[in-house]
PDBML (XML) file of the C-alpha atoms, coordinates in Angstrom:
<?xml version="1.0" encoding="UTF-8" ?>
<PDBx:datablock datablockName="MODEL"
   xmlns:PDBx="http://pdbml.pdb.org/schema/pdbx-v50.xsd"
   xmlns:xsi="http://www.w3.org/2001/XMLSchema-instance"
   xsi:schemaLocation="http://pdbml.pdb.org/schema/pdbx-v50.xsd pdbx-v50.xsd">
   <PDBx:atom_siteCategory>
      <PDBx:atom_site id="1">
         <PDBx:B_iso_or_equiv>0.00</PDBx:B_iso_or_equiv>
         <PDBx:Cartn_x>20.899</PDBx:Cartn_x>
         <PDBx:Cartn_y>8.932</PDBx:Cartn_y>
         <PDBx:Cartn_z>137.904</PDBx:Cartn_z>
         <PDBx:auth_asym_id>A</PDBx:auth_asym_id>
         <PDBx:auth_atom_id>CA</PDBx:auth_atom_id>
         <PDBx:auth_comp_id>THR</PDBx:auth_comp_id>
         <PDBx:auth_seq_id>1</PDBx:auth_seq_id>
         <PDBx:group_PDB>ATOM</PDBx:group_PDB>
         <PDBx:label_alt_id xsi:nil="true" />
         <PDBx:label_asym_id>A</PDBx:label_asym_id>
         <PDBx:label_atom_id>CA</PDBx:label_atom_id>
         <PDBx:label_comp_id>THR</PDBx:label_comp_id>
         <PDBx:label_entity_id>1</PDBx:label_entity_id>
         <PDBx:label_seq_id>1</PDBx:label_seq_id>
         <PDBx:occupancy>1.00</PDBx:occupancy>
         <PDBx:pdbx_PDB_model_num>1</PDBx:pdbx_PDB_model_num>
         <PDBx:type_symbol>C</PDBx:type_symbol>
      </PDBx:atom_site>
      <PDBx:atom_site id="2">
         <PDBx:B_iso_or_equiv>0.00</PDBx:B_iso_or_equiv>
         <PDBx:Cartn_x>24.487</PDBx:Cartn_x>
         <PDBx:Cartn_y>9.726</PDBx:Cartn_y>
         <PDBx:Cartn_z>138.846</PDBx:Cartn_z>
         <PDBx:auth_asym_id>A</PDBx:auth_asym_id>
         <PDBx:auth_atom_id>CA</PDBx:auth_atom_id>
         <PDBx:auth_comp_id>LEU</PDBx:auth_comp_id>
         <PDBx:auth_seq_id>2</PDBx:auth_seq_id>
         <PDBx:group_PDB>ATOM</PDBx:group_PDB>
         <PDBx:label_alt_id xsi:nil="true" />
         <PDBx:label_asym_id>A</PDBx:label_asym_id>
         <PDBx:label_atom_id>CA</PDBx:label_atom_id>
         <PDBx:label_comp_id>LEU</PDBx:label_comp_id>
         <PDBx:label_entity_id>1</PDBx:label_entity_id>
         <PDBx:label_seq_id>2</PDBx:label_seq_id>
         <PDBx:occupancy>1.00</PDBx:occupancy>
         <PDBx:pdbx_PDB_model_num>1</PDBx:pdbx_PDB_model_num>
         <PDBx:type_symbol>C</PDBx:type_symbol>
      </PDBx:atom_site>
      <PDBx:atom_site id="3">
         <PDBx:B_iso_or_equiv>0.00</PDBx:B_iso_or_equiv>
         <PDBx:Cartn_x>27.096</PDBx:Cartn_x>
         <PDBx:Cartn_y>7.669</PDBx:Cartn_y>
         <PDBx:Cartn_z>137.247</PDBx:Cartn_z>
         <PDBx:auth_asym_id>A</PDBx:auth_asym_id>
         <PDBx:auth_atom_id>CA</PDBx:auth_atom_id>
         <PDBx:auth_comp_id>VAL</PDBx:auth_comp_id>
         <PDBx:auth_seq_id>3</PDBx:auth_seq_id>
         <PDBx:group_PDB>ATOM</PDBx:group_PDB>
         <PDBx:label_alt_id xsi:nil="true" />
         <PDBx:label_asym_id>A</PDBx:label_asym_id>
         <PDBx:label_atom_id>CA</PDBx:label_atom_id>
         <PDBx:label_comp_id>VAL</PDBx:label_comp_id>
         <PDBx:label_entity_id>1</PDBx:label_entity_id>
         <PDBx:label_seq_id>3</PDBx:label_seq_id>
         <PDBx:occupancy>1.00</PDBx:occupancy>
         <PDBx:pdbx_PDB_model_num>1</PDBx:pdbx_PDB_model_num>
         <PDBx:type_symbol>C</PDBx:type_symbol>
      </PDBx:atom_site>
      <PDBx:atom_site id="4">
         <PDBx:B_iso_or_equiv>0.00</PDBx:B_iso_or_equiv>
         <PDBx:Cartn_x>30.908</PDBx:Cartn_x>
         <PDBx:Cartn_y>7.243</PDBx:Cartn_y>
         <PDBx:Cartn_z>137.663</PDBx:Cartn_z>
         <PDBx:auth_asym_id>A</PDBx:auth_asym_id>
         <PDBx:auth_atom_id>CA</PDBx:auth_atom_id>
         <PDBx:auth_comp_id>LEU</PDBx:auth_comp_id>
         <PDBx:auth_seq_id>4</PDBx:auth_seq_id>
         <PDBx:group_PDB>ATOM</PDBx:group_PDB>
         <PDBx:label_alt_id xsi:nil="true" />
         <PDBx:label_asym_id>A</PDBx:label_asym_id>
         <PDBx:label_atom_id>CA</PDBx:label_atom_id>
         <PDBx:label_comp_id>LEU</PDBx:label_comp_id>
         <PDBx:label_entity_id>1</PDBx:label_entity_id>
         <PDBx:label_seq_id>4</PDBx:label_seq_id>
         <PDBx:occupancy>1.00</PDBx:occupancy>
         <PDBx:pdbx_PDB_model_num>1</PDBx:pdbx_PDB_model_num>
         <PDBx:type_symbol>C</PDBx:type_symbol>
      </PDBx:atom_site>
      <PDBx:atom_site id="5">
         <PDBx:B_iso_or_equiv>0.00</PDBx:B_iso_or_equiv>
         <PDBx:Cartn_x>32.229</PDBx:Cartn_x>
         <PDBx:Cartn_y>5.374</PDBx:Cartn_y>
         <PDBx:Cartn_z>134.571</PDBx:Cartn_z>
         <PDBx:auth_asym_id>A</PDBx:auth_asym_id>
         <PDBx:auth_atom_id>CA</PDBx:auth_atom_id>
         <PDBx:auth_comp_id>GLN</PDBx:auth_comp_id>
         <PDBx:auth_seq_id>5</PDBx:auth_seq_id>
         <PDBx:group_PDB>ATOM</PDBx:group_PDB>
         <PDBx:label_alt_id xsi:nil="true" />
         <PDBx:label_asym_id>A</PDBx:label_asym_id>
         <PDBx:label_atom_id>CA</PDBx:label_atom_id>
         <PDBx:label_comp_id>GLN</PDBx:label_comp_id>
         <PDBx:label_entity_id>1</PDBx:label_entity_id>
         <PDBx:label_seq_id>5</PDBx:label_seq_id>
         <PDBx:occupancy>1.00</PDBx:occupancy>
         <PDBx:pdbx_PDB_model_num>1</PDBx:pdbx_PDB_model_num>
         <PDBx:type_symbol>C</PDBx:type_symbol>
      </PDBx:atom_site>
      <PDBx:atom_site id="6">
         <PDBx:B_iso_or_equiv>0.00</PDBx:B_iso_or_equiv>
         <PDBx:Cartn_x>35.605</PDBx:Cartn_x>
         <PDBx:Cartn_y>3.771</PDBx:Cartn_y>
         <PDBx:Cartn_z>135.127</PDBx:Cartn_z>
         <PDBx:auth_asym_id>A</PDBx:auth_asym_id>
         <PDBx:auth_atom_id>CA</PDBx:auth_atom_id>
         <PDBx:auth_comp_id>SER</PDBx:auth_comp_id>
         <PDBx:auth_seq_id>6</PDBx:auth_seq_id>
         <PDBx:group_PDB>ATOM</PDBx:group_PDB>
         <PDBx:label_alt_id xsi:nil="true" />
         <PDBx:label_asym_id>A</PDBx:label_asym_id>
         <PDBx:label_atom_id>CA</PDBx:label_atom_id>
         <PDBx:label_comp_id>SER</PDBx:label_comp_id>
         <PDBx:label_entity_id>1</PDBx:label_entity_id>
         <PDBx:label_seq_id>6</PDBx:label_seq_id>
         <PDBx:occupancy>1.00</PDBx:occupancy>
         <PDBx:pdbx_PDB_model_num>1</PDBx:pdbx_PDB_model_num>
         <PDBx:type_symbol>C</PDBx:type_symbol>
      </PDBx:atom_site>
      <PDBx:atom_site id="7">
         <PDBx:B_iso_or_equiv>0.00</PDBx:B_iso_or_equiv>
         <PDBx:Cartn_x>37.720</PDBx:Cartn_x>
         <PDBx:Cartn_y>1.850</PDBx:Cartn_y>
         <PDBx:Cartn_z>132.454</PDBx:Cartn_z>
         <PDBx:auth_asym_id>A</PDBx:auth_asym_id>
         <PDBx:auth_atom_id>CA</PDBx:auth_atom_id>
         <PDBx:auth_comp_id>ASP</PDBx:auth_comp_id>
         <PDBx:auth_seq_id>7</PDBx:auth_seq_id>
         <PDBx:group_PDB>ATOM</PDBx:group_PDB>
         <PDBx:label_alt_id xsi:nil="true" />
         <PDBx:label_asym_id>A</PDBx:label_asym_id>
         <PDBx:label_atom_id>CA</PDBx:label_atom_id>
         <PDBx:label_comp_id>ASP</PDBx:label_comp_id>
         <PDBx:label_entity_id>1</PDBx:label_entity_id>
         <PDBx:label_seq_id>7</PDBx:label_seq_id>
         <PDBx:occupancy>1.00</PDBx:occupancy>
         <PDBx:pdbx_PDB_model_num>1</PDBx:pdbx_PDB_model_num>
         <PDBx:type_symbol>C</PDBx:type_symbol>
      </PDBx:atom_site>
      <PDBx:atom_site id="8">
         <PDBx:B_iso_or_equiv>0.00</PDBx:B_iso_or_equiv>
         <PDBx:Cartn_x>35.432</PDBx:Cartn_x>
         <PDBx:Cartn_y>-1.175</PDBx:Cartn_y>
         <PDBx:Cartn_z>132.236</PDBx:Cartn_z>
         <PDBx:auth_asym_id>A</PDBx:auth_asym_id>
         <PDBx:auth_atom_id>CA</PDBx:auth_atom_id>
         <PDBx:auth_comp_id>PHE</PDBx:auth_comp_id>
         <PDBx:auth_seq_id>8</PDBx:auth_seq_id>
         <PDBx:group_PDB>ATOM</PDBx:group_PDB>
         <PDBx:label_alt_id xsi:nil="true" />
         <PDBx:label_asym_id>A</PDBx:label_asym_id>
         <PDBx:label_atom_id>CA</PDBx:label_atom_id>
         <PDBx:label_comp_id>PHE</PDBx:label_comp_id>
         <PDBx:label_entity_id>1</PDBx:label_entity_id>
         <PDBx:label_seq_id>8</PDBx:label_seq_id>
         <PDBx:occupancy>1.00</PDBx:occupancy>
         <PDBx:pdbx_PDB_model_num>1</PDBx:pdbx_PDB_model_num>
         <PDBx:type_symbol>C</PDBx:type_symbol>
      </PDBx:atom_site>
      <PDBx:atom_site id="9">
         <PDBx:B_iso_or_equiv>0.00</PDBx:B_iso_or_equiv>
         <PDBx:Cartn_x>32.547</PDBx:Cartn_x>
         <PDBx:Cartn_y>-0.742</PDBx:Cartn_y>
         <PDBx:Cartn_z>134.662</PDBx:Cartn_z>
         <PDBx:auth_asym_id>A</PDBx:auth_asym_id>
         <PDBx:auth_atom_id>CA</PDBx:auth_atom_id>
         <PDBx:auth_comp_id>HIS</PDBx:auth_comp_id>
         <PDBx:auth_seq_id>9</PDBx:auth_seq_id>
         <PDBx:group_PDB>ATOM</PDBx:group_PDB>
         <PDBx:label_alt_id xsi:nil="true" />
         <PDBx:label_asym_id>A</PDBx:label_asym_id>
         <PDBx:label_atom_id>CA</PDBx:label_atom_id>
         <PDBx:label_comp_id>HIS</PDBx:label_comp_id>
         <PDBx:label_entity_id>1</PDBx:label_entity_id>
         <PDBx:label_seq_id>9</PDBx:label_seq_id>
         <PDBx:occupancy>1.00</PDBx:occupancy>
         <PDBx:pdbx_PDB_model_num>1</PDBx:pdbx_PDB_model_num>
         <PDBx:type_symbol>C</PDBx:type_symbol>
      </PDBx:atom_site>
      <PDBx:atom_site id="10">
         <PDBx:B_iso_or_equiv>0.00</PDBx:B_iso_or_equiv>
         <PDBx:Cartn_x>30.609</PDBx:Cartn_x>
         <PDBx:Cartn_y>1.933</PDBx:Cartn_y>
         <PDBx:Cartn_z>136.372</PDBx:Cartn_z>
         <PDBx:auth_asym_id>A</PDBx:auth_asym_id>
         <PDBx:auth_atom_id>CA</PDBx:auth_atom_id>
         <PDBx:auth_comp_id>GLU</PDBx:auth_comp_id>
         <PDBx:auth_seq_id>10</PDBx:auth_seq_id>
         <PDBx:group_PDB>ATOM</PDBx:group_PDB>
         <PDBx:label_alt_id xsi:nil="true" />
         <PDBx:label_asym_id>A</PDBx:label_asym_id>
         <PDBx:label_atom_id>CA</PDBx:label_atom_id>
         <PDBx:label_comp_id>GLU</PDBx:label_comp_id>
         <PDBx:label_entity_id>1</PDBx:label_entity_id>
         <PDBx:label_seq_id>10</PDBx:label_seq_id>
         <PDBx:occupancy>1.00</PDBx:occupancy>
         <PDBx:pdbx_PDB_model_num>1</PDBx:pdbx_PDB_model_num>
         <PDBx:type_symbol>C</PDBx:type_symbol>
      </PDBx:atom_site>
      <PDBx:atom_site id="11">
         <PDBx:B_iso_or_equiv>0.00</PDBx:B_iso_or_equiv>
         <PDBx:Cartn_x>29.009</PDBx:Cartn_x>
         <PDBx:Cartn_y>2.831</PDBx:Cartn_y>
         <PDBx:Cartn_z>139.768</PDBx:Cartn_z>
         <PDBx:auth_asym_id>A</PDBx:auth_asym_id>
         <PDBx:auth_atom_id>CA</PDBx:auth_atom_id>
         <PDBx:auth_comp_id>VAL</PDBx:auth_comp_id>
         <PDBx:auth_seq_id>11</PDBx:auth_seq_id>
         <PDBx:group_PDB>ATOM</PDBx:group_PDB>
         <PDBx:label_alt_id xsi:nil="true" />
         <PDBx:label_asym_id>A</PDBx:label_asym_id>
         <PDBx:label_atom_id>CA</PDBx:label_atom_id>
         <PDBx:label_comp_id>VAL</PDBx:label_comp_id>
         <PDBx:label_entity_id>1</PDBx:label_entity_id>
         <PDBx:label_seq_id>11</PDBx:label_seq_id>
         <PDBx:occupancy>1.00</PDBx:occupancy>
         <PDBx:pdbx_PDB_model_num>1</PDBx:pdbx_PDB_model_num>
         <PDBx:type_symbol>C</PDBx:type_symbol>
      </PDBx:atom_site>
      <PDBx:atom_site id="12">
         <PDBx:B_iso_or_equiv>0.00</PDBx:B_iso_or_equiv>
         <PDBx:Cartn_x>25.732</PDBx:Cartn_x>
         <PDBx:Cartn_y>4.659</PDBx:Cartn_y>
         <PDBx:Cartn_z>139.867</PDBx:Cartn_z>
         <PDBx:auth_asym_id>A</PDBx:auth_asym_id>
         <PDBx:auth_atom_id>CA</PDBx:auth_atom_id>
         <PDBx:auth_comp_id>PHE</PDBx:auth_comp_id>
         <PDBx:auth_seq_id>12</PDBx:auth_seq_id>
         <PDBx:group_PDB>ATOM</PDBx:group_PDB>
         <PDBx:label_alt_id xsi:nil="true" />
         <PDBx:label_asym_id>A</PDBx:label_asym_id>
         <PDBx:label_atom_id>CA</PDBx:label_atom_id>
         <PDBx:label_comp_id>PHE</PDBx:label_comp_id>
         <PDBx:label_entity_id>1</PDBx:label_entity_id>
         <PDBx:label_seq_id>12</PDBx:label_seq_id>
         <PDBx:occupancy>1.00</PDBx:occupancy>
         <PDBx:pdbx_PDB_model_num>1</PDBx:pdbx_PDB_model_num>
         <PDBx:type_symbol>C</PDBx:type_symbol>
      </PDBx:atom_site>
      <PDBx:atom_site id="13">
         <PDBx:B_iso_or_equiv>0.00</PDBx:B_iso_or_equiv>
         <PDBx:Cartn_x>22.914</PDBx:Cartn_x>
         <PDBx:Cartn_y>5.712</PDBx:Cartn_y>
         <PDBx:Cartn_z>142.182</PDBx:Cartn_z>
         <PDBx:auth_asym_id>A</PDBx:auth_asym_id>
         <PDBx:auth_atom_id>CA</PDBx:auth_atom_id>
         <PDBx:auth_comp_id>THR</PDBx:auth_comp_id>
         <PDBx:auth_seq_id>13</PDBx:auth_seq_id>
         <PDBx:group_PDB>ATOM</PDBx:group_PDB>
         <PDBx:label_alt_id xsi:nil="true" />
         <PDBx:label_asym_id>A</PDBx:label_asym_id>
         <PDBx:label_atom_id>CA</PDBx:label_atom_id>
         <PDBx:label_comp_id>THR</PDBx:label_comp_id>
         <PDBx:label_entity_id>1</PDBx:label_entity_id>
         <PDBx:label_seq_id>13</PDBx:label_seq_id>
         <PDBx:occupancy>1.00</PDBx:occupancy>
         <PDBx:pdbx_PDB_model_num>1</PDBx:pdbx_PDB_model_num>
         <PDBx:type_symbol>C</PDBx:type_symbol>
      </PDBx:atom_site>
      <PDBx:atom_site id="14">
         <PDBx:B_iso_or_equiv>0.00</PDBx:B_iso_or_equiv>
         <PDBx:Cartn_x>19.534</PDBx:Cartn_x>
         <PDBx:Cartn_y>7.468</PDBx:Cartn_y>
         <PDBx:Cartn_z>141.784</PDBx:Cartn_z>
         <PDBx:auth_asym_id>A</PDBx:auth_asym_id>
         <PDBx:auth_atom_id>CA</PDBx:auth_atom_id>
         <PDBx:auth_comp_id>TYR</PDBx:auth_comp_id>
         <PDBx:auth_seq_id>14</PDBx:auth_seq_id>
         <PDBx:group_PDB>ATOM</PDBx:group_PDB>
         <PDBx:label_alt_id xsi:nil="true" />
         <PDBx:label_asym_id>A</PDBx:label_asym_id>
         <PDBx:label_atom_id>CA</PDBx:label_atom_id>
         <PDBx:label_comp_id>TYR</PDBx:label_comp_id>
         <PDBx:label_entity_id>1</PDBx:label_entity_id>
         <PDBx:label_seq_id>14</PDBx:label_seq_id>
         <PDBx:occupancy>1.00</PDBx:occupancy>
         <PDBx:pdbx_PDB_model_num>1</PDBx:pdbx_PDB_model_num>
         <PDBx:type_symbol>C</PDBx:type_symbol>
      </PDBx:atom_site>
      <PDBx:atom_site id="15">
         <PDBx:B_iso_or_equiv>0.00</PDBx:B_iso_or_equiv>
         <PDBx:Cartn_x>18.722</PDBx:Cartn_x>
         <PDBx:Cartn_y>10.704</PDBx:Cartn_y>
         <PDBx:Cartn_z>143.703</PDBx:Cartn_z>
         <PDBx:auth_asym_id>A</PDBx:auth_asym_id>
         <PDBx:auth_atom_id>CA</PDBx:auth_atom_id>
         <PDBx:auth_comp_id>VAL</PDBx:auth_comp_id>
         <PDBx:auth_seq_id>15</PDBx:auth_seq_id>
         <PDBx:group_PDB>ATOM</PDBx:group_PDB>
         <PDBx:label_alt_id xsi:nil="true" />
         <PDBx:label_asym_id>A</PDBx:label_asym_id>
         <PDBx:label_atom_id>CA</PDBx:label_atom_id>
         <PDBx:label_comp_id>VAL</PDBx:label_comp_id>
         <PDBx:label_entity_id>1</PDBx:label_entity_id>
         <PDBx:label_seq_id>15</PDBx:label_seq_id>
         <PDBx:occupancy>1.00</PDBx:occupancy>
         <PDBx:pdbx_PDB_model_num>1</PDBx:pdbx_PDB_model_num>
         <PDBx:type_symbol>C</PDBx:type_symbol>
      </PDBx:atom_site>
      <PDBx:atom_site id="16">
         <PDBx:B_iso_or_equiv>0.00</PDBx:B_iso_or_equiv>
         <PDBx:Cartn_x>15.685</PDBx:Cartn_x>
         <PDBx:Cartn_y>12.868</PDBx:Cartn_y>
         <PDBx:Cartn_z>143.810</PDBx:Cartn_z>
         <PDBx:auth_asym_id>A</PDBx:auth_asym_id>
         <PDBx:auth_atom_id>CA</PDBx:auth_atom_id>
         <PDBx:auth_comp_id>HIS</PDBx:auth_comp_id>
         <PDBx:auth_seq_id>16</PDBx:auth_seq_id>
         <PDBx:group_PDB>ATOM</PDBx:group_PDB>
         <PDBx:label_alt_id xsi:nil="true" />
         <PDBx:label_asym_id>A</PDBx:label_asym_id>
         <PDBx:label_atom_id>CA</PDBx:label_atom_id>
         <PDBx:label_comp_id>HIS</PDBx:label_comp_id>
         <PDBx:label_entity_id>1</PDBx:label_entity_id>
         <PDBx:label_seq_id>16</PDBx:label_seq_id>
         <PDBx:occupancy>1.00</PDBx:occupancy>
         <PDBx:pdbx_PDB_model_num>1</PDBx:pdbx_PDB_model_num>
         <PDBx:type_symbol>C</PDBx:type_symbol>
      </PDBx:atom_site>
      <PDBx:atom_site id="17">
         <PDBx:B_iso_or_equiv>0.00</PDBx:B_iso_or_equiv>
         <PDBx:Cartn_x>15.570</PDBx:Cartn_x>
         <PDBx:Cartn_y>16.275</PDBx:Cartn_y>
         <PDBx:Cartn_z>141.972</PDBx:Cartn_z>
         <PDBx:auth_asym_id>A</PDBx:auth_asym_id>
         <PDBx:auth_atom_id>CA</PDBx:auth_atom_id>
         <PDBx:auth_comp_id>GLY</PDBx:auth_comp_id>
         <PDBx:auth_seq_id>17</PDBx:auth_seq_id>
         <PDBx:group_PDB>ATOM</PDBx:group_PDB>
         <PDBx:label_alt_id xsi:nil="true" />
         <PDBx:label_asym_id>A</PDBx:label_asym_id>
         <PDBx:label_atom_id>CA</PDBx:label_atom_id>
         <PDBx:label_comp_id>GLY</PDBx:label_comp_id>
         <PDBx:label_entity_id>1</PDBx:label_entity_id>
         <PDBx:label_seq_id>17</PDBx:label_seq_id>
         <PDBx:occupancy>1.00</PDBx:occupancy>
         <PDBx:pdbx_PDB_model_num>1</PDBx:pdbx_PDB_model_num>
         <PDBx:type_symbol>C</PDBx:type_symbol>
      </PDBx:atom_site>
      <PDBx:atom_site id="18">
         <PDBx:B_iso_or_equiv>0.00</PDBx:B_iso_or_equiv>
         <PDBx:Cartn_x>17.353</PDBx:Cartn_x>
         <PDBx:Cartn_y>17.622</PDBx:Cartn_y>
         <PDBx:Cartn_z>138.918</PDBx:Cartn_z>
         <PDBx:auth_asym_id>A</PDBx:auth_asym_id>
         <PDBx:auth_atom_id>CA</PDBx:auth_atom_id>
         <PDBx:auth_comp_id>THR</PDBx:auth_comp_id>
         <PDBx:auth_seq_id>18</PDBx:auth_seq_id>
         <PDBx:group_PDB>ATOM</PDBx:group_PDB>
         <PDBx:label_alt_id xsi:nil="true" />
         <PDBx:label_asym_id>A</PDBx:label_asym_id>
         <PDBx:label_atom_id>CA</PDBx:label_atom_id>
         <PDBx:label_comp_id>THR</PDBx:label_comp_id>
         <PDBx:label_entity_id>1</PDBx:label_entity_id>
         <PDBx:label_seq_id>18</PDBx:label_seq_id>
         <PDBx:occupancy>1.00</PDBx:occupancy>
         <PDBx:pdbx_PDB_model_num>1</PDBx:pdbx_PDB_model_num>
         <PDBx:type_symbol>C</PDBx:type_symbol>
      </PDBx:atom_site>
      <PDBx:atom_site id="19">
         <PDBx:B_iso_or_equiv>0.00</PDBx:B_iso_or_equiv>
         <PDBx:Cartn_x>20.316</PDBx:Cartn_x>
         <PDBx:Cartn_y>20.000</PDBx:Cartn_y>
         <PDBx:Cartn_z>138.632</PDBx:Cartn_z>
         <PDBx:auth_asym_id>A</PDBx:auth_asym_id>
         <PDBx:auth_atom_id>CA</PDBx:auth_atom_id>
         <PDBx:auth_comp_id>LYS</PDBx:auth_comp_id>
         <PDBx:auth_seq_id>19</PDBx:auth_seq_id>
         <PDBx:group_PDB>ATOM</PDBx:group_PDB>
         <PDBx:label_alt_id xsi:nil="true" />
         <PDBx:label_asym_id>A</PDBx:label_asym_id>
         <PDBx:label_atom_id>CA</PDBx:label_atom_id>
         <PDBx:label_comp_id>LYS</PDBx:label_comp_id>
         <PDBx:label_entity_id>1</PDBx:label_entity_id>
         <PDBx:label_seq_id>19</PDBx:label_seq_id>
         <PDBx:occupancy>1.00</PDBx:occupancy>
         <PDBx:pdbx_PDB_model_num>1</PDBx:pdbx_PDB_model_num>
         <PDBx:type_symbol>C</PDBx:type_symbol>
      </PDBx:atom_site>
      <PDBx:atom_site id="20">
         <PDBx:B_iso_or_equiv>0.00</PDBx:B_iso_or_equiv>
         <PDBx:Cartn_x>22.090</PDBx:Cartn_x>
         <PDBx:Cartn_y>17.738</PDBx:Cartn_y>
         <PDBx:Cartn_z>141.175</PDBx:Cartn_z>
         <PDBx:auth_asym_id>A</PDBx:auth_asym_id>
         <PDBx:auth_atom_id>CA</PDBx:auth_atom_id>
         <PDBx:auth_comp_id>VAL</PDBx:auth_comp_id>
         <PDBx:auth_seq_id>20</PDBx:auth_seq_id>
         <PDBx:group_PDB>ATOM</PDBx:group_PDB>
         <PDBx:label_alt_id xsi:nil="true" />
         <PDBx:label_asym_id>A</PDBx:label_asym_id>
         <PDBx:label_atom_id>CA</PDBx:label_atom_id>
         <PDBx:label_comp_id>VAL</PDBx:label_comp_id>
         <PDBx:label_entity_id>1</PDBx:label_entity_id>
         <PDBx:label_seq_id>20</PDBx:label_seq_id>
         <PDBx:occupancy>1.00</PDBx:occupancy>
         <PDBx:pdbx_PDB_model_num>1</PDBx:pdbx_PDB_model_num>
         <PDBx:type_symbol>C</PDBx:type_symbol>
      </PDBx:atom_site>
      <PDBx:atom_site id="21">
         <PDBx:B_iso_or_equiv>0.00</PDBx:B_iso_or_equiv>
         <PDBx:Cartn_x>25.909</PDBx:Cartn_x>
         <PDBx:Cartn_y>18.543</PDBx:Cartn_y>
         <PDBx:Cartn_z>141.449</PDBx:Cartn_z>
         <PDBx:auth_asym_id>A</PDBx:auth_asym_id>
         <PDBx:auth_atom_id>CA</PDBx:auth_atom_id>
         <PDBx:auth_comp_id>SER</PDBx:auth_comp_id>
         <PDBx:auth_seq_id>21</PDBx:auth_seq_id>
         <PDBx:group_PDB>ATOM</PDBx:group_PDB>
         <PDBx:label_alt_id xsi:nil="true" />
         <PDBx:label_asym_id>A</PDBx:label_asym_id>
         <PDBx:label_atom_id>CA</PDBx:label_atom_id>
         <PDBx:label_comp_id>SER</PDBx:label_comp_id>
         <PDBx:label_entity_id>1</PDBx:label_entity_id>
         <PDBx:label_seq_id>21</PDBx:label_seq_id>
         <PDBx:occupancy>1.00</PDBx:occupancy>
         <PDBx:pdbx_PDB_model_num>1</PDBx:pdbx_PDB_model_num>
         <PDBx:type_symbol>C</PDBx:type_symbol>
      </PDBx:atom_site>
      <PDBx:atom_site id="22">
         <PDBx:B_iso_or_equiv>0.00</PDBx:B_iso_or_equiv>
         <PDBx:Cartn_x>28.025</PDBx:Cartn_x>
         <PDBx:Cartn_y>16.151</PDBx:Cartn_y>
         <PDBx:Cartn_z>139.635</PDBx:Cartn_z>
         <PDBx:auth_asym_id>A</PDBx:auth_asym_id>
         <PDBx:auth_atom_id>CA</PDBx:auth_atom_id>
         <PDBx:auth_comp_id>LEU</PDBx:auth_comp_id>
         <PDBx:auth_seq_id>22</PDBx:auth_seq_id>
         <PDBx:group_PDB>ATOM</PDBx:group_PDB>
         <PDBx:label_alt_id xsi:nil="true" />
         <PDBx:label_asym_id>A</PDBx:label_asym_id>
         <PDBx:label_atom_id>CA</PDBx:label_atom_id>
         <PDBx:label_comp_id>LEU</PDBx:label_comp_id>
         <PDBx:label_entity_id>1</PDBx:label_entity_id>
         <PDBx:label_seq_id>22</PDBx:label_seq_id>
         <PDBx:occupancy>1.00</PDBx:occupancy>
         <PDBx:pdbx_PDB_model_num>1</PDBx:pdbx_PDB_model_num>
         <PDBx:type_symbol>C</PDBx:type_symbol>
      </PDBx:atom_site>
      <PDBx:atom_site id="23">
         <PDBx:B_iso_or_equiv>0.00</PDBx:B_iso_or_equiv>
         <PDBx:Cartn_x>30.295</PDBx:Cartn_x>
         <PDBx:Cartn_y>16.200</PDBx:Cartn_y>
         <PDBx:Cartn_z>142.757</PDBx:Cartn_z>
         <PDBx:auth_asym_id>A</PDBx:auth_asym_id>
         <PDBx:auth_atom_id>CA</PDBx:auth_atom_id>
         <PDBx:auth_comp_id>ASP</PDBx:auth_comp_id>
         <PDBx:auth_seq_id>23</PDBx:auth_seq_id>
         <PDBx:group_PDB>ATOM</PDBx:group_PDB>
         <PDBx:label_alt_id xsi:nil="true" />
         <PDBx:label_asym_id>A</PDBx:label_asym_id>
         <PDBx:label_atom_id>CA</PDBx:label_atom_id>
         <PDBx:label_comp_id>ASP</PDBx:label_comp_id>
         <PDBx:label_entity_id>1</PDBx:label_entity_id>
         <PDBx:label_seq_id>23</PDBx:label_seq_id>
         <PDBx:occupancy>1.00</PDBx:occupancy>
         <PDBx:pdbx_PDB_model_num>1</PDBx:pdbx_PDB_model_num>
         <PDBx:type_symbol>C</PDBx:type_symbol>
      </PDBx:atom_site>
      <PDBx:atom_site id="24">
         <PDBx:B_iso_or_equiv>0.00</PDBx:B_iso_or_equiv>
         <PDBx:Cartn_x>27.416</PDBx:Cartn_x>
         <PDBx:Cartn_y>14.414</PDBx:Cartn_y>
         <PDBx:Cartn_z>144.785</PDBx:Cartn_z>
         <PDBx:auth_asym_id>A</PDBx:auth_asym_id>
         <PDBx:auth_atom_id>CA</PDBx:auth_atom_id>
         <PDBx:auth_comp_id>ALA</PDBx:auth_comp_id>
         <PDBx:auth_seq_id>24</PDBx:auth_seq_id>
         <PDBx:group_PDB>ATOM</PDBx:group_PDB>
         <PDBx:label_alt_id xsi:nil="true" />
         <PDBx:label_asym_id>A</PDBx:label_asym_id>
         <PDBx:label_atom_id>CA</PDBx:label_atom_id>
         <PDBx:label_comp_id>ALA</PDBx:label_comp_id>
         <PDBx:label_entity_id>1</PDBx:label_entity_id>
         <PDBx:label_seq_id>24</PDBx:label_seq_id>
         <PDBx:occupancy>1.00</PDBx:occupancy>
         <PDBx:pdbx_PDB_model_num>1</PDBx:pdbx_PDB_model_num>
         <PDBx:type_symbol>C</PDBx:type_symbol>
      </PDBx:atom_site>
   </PDBx:atom_siteCategory>
</PDBx:datablock>
C-alpha cells in the first residue's frame, strides 16, 4: 500500500509486489 500523507488527508493505492519504489 503506497500512501501520500498531506496535512490533513492522504491518498493511497495498492500495488502488487514488495520493495516498490516510493516514487511510484
